[in-house]
Amino acid sequence: MDSLRERGNFQLNYYKIYLKISAYAIEISYLVVGISKLSSRLNDFDNPRSFHSLFSELWI
């Protein structure tokens, strides 16, 4: 009975680790996309846009 409980705890810990890694991967991808959009907008200062359009495009 103890071996079943240990196996269940191990599987639960495995899923917790998997969920944490997935959450970090999603967070990093949002940061990368946001930074790339922001840097591309900052490079376009020859044809500047309003701040409203800049921030509305960042969150689409």
Protein backbone atom coordinates (compact mmCIF):
# COMPACT_ATOMS: atom_id res chain seq x y z
CA MET A 1 0.00 0.00 0.00
CA ASP A 2 2.86 2.35 0.77
CA SER A 3 4.41 1.69 -2.62
CA LEU A 4 1.18 2.76 -4.35
CA ARG A 5 1.09 5.94 -2.29
CA GLU A 6 4.73 6.69 -3.10
CA ARG A 7 4.10 6.07 -6.80
CA GLY A 8 1.08 8.40 -6.70
CA ASN A 9 3.11 11.09 -4.94
CA PHE A 10 5.87 10.72 -7.51
CA GLN A 11 3.40 11.10 -10.38
CA LEU A 12 1.82 14.13 -8.70
CA ASN A 13 5.24 15.74 -8.28
CA TYR A 14 6.03 14.95 -11.92
CA TYR A 15 2.88 16.73 -13.07
CA LYS A 16 3.61 19.71 -10.82
CA ILE A 17 7.08 20.03 -12.34
CA TYR A 18 5.61 19.67 -15.84
CA LEU A 19 3.05 22.41 -15.15
CA LYS A 20 5.73 24.75 -13.79
CA ILE A 21 7.92 24.20 -16.85
CA SER A 22 4.93 24.79 -19.14
CA ALA A 23 4.03 28.00 -17.32
CA TYR A 24 7.60 29.28 -17.56
CA ALA A 25 7.73 28.42 -21.28
CA ILE A 26 4.50 30.33 -21.93
CA GLU A 27 5.77 33.29 -19.92
CA ILE A 28 9.07 33.36 -21.81
CA SER A 29 7.30 33.16 -25.16
CA TYR A 30 5.06 36.11 -24.26
CA LEU A 31 8.12 38.10 -23.19
CA VAL A 32 10.01 37.28 -26.39
CA VAL A 33 7.05 38.22 -28.60
CA GLY A 34 6.42 41.42 -26.65
CA ILE A 35 10.06 42.48 -26.71
CA SER A 36 10.37 41.74 -30.43
CA LYS A 37 7.22 43.75 -31.21
CA LEU A 38 8.40 46.60 -29.02
CA SER A 39 11.88 46.64 -30.54
CA SER A 40 10.46 46.60 -34.07
CA ARG A 41 8.24 49.55 -33.16
CA LEU A 42 11.14 51.43 -31.59
CA ASN A 43 13.15 50.91 -34.78
CA ASP A 44 10.37 52.58 -36.78
CA PHE A 45 10.90 56.07 -35.38
CA ASP A 46 11.34 57.39 -38.94
CA ASN A 47 7.60 56.83 -39.27
CA PRO A 48 6.37 57.14 -35.67
CA ARG A 49 2.95 55.99 -34.61
CA SER A 50 0.84 57.17 -31.73
CA PHE A 51 1.32 55.49 -28.38
CA HIS A 52 -2.26 54.23 -28.48
CA SER A 53 -1.64 52.22 -31.64
CA LEU A 54 1.71 51.00 -30.29
CA PHE A 55 0.22 49.56 -27.12
CA SER A 56 -2.89 48.23 -28.84
CA GLU A 57 -0.70 46.22 -31.21
CA LEU A 58 1.42 44.87 -28.36
CA TRP A 59 -1.56 43.21 -26.68
CA ILE A 60 -3.28 41.75 -29.74
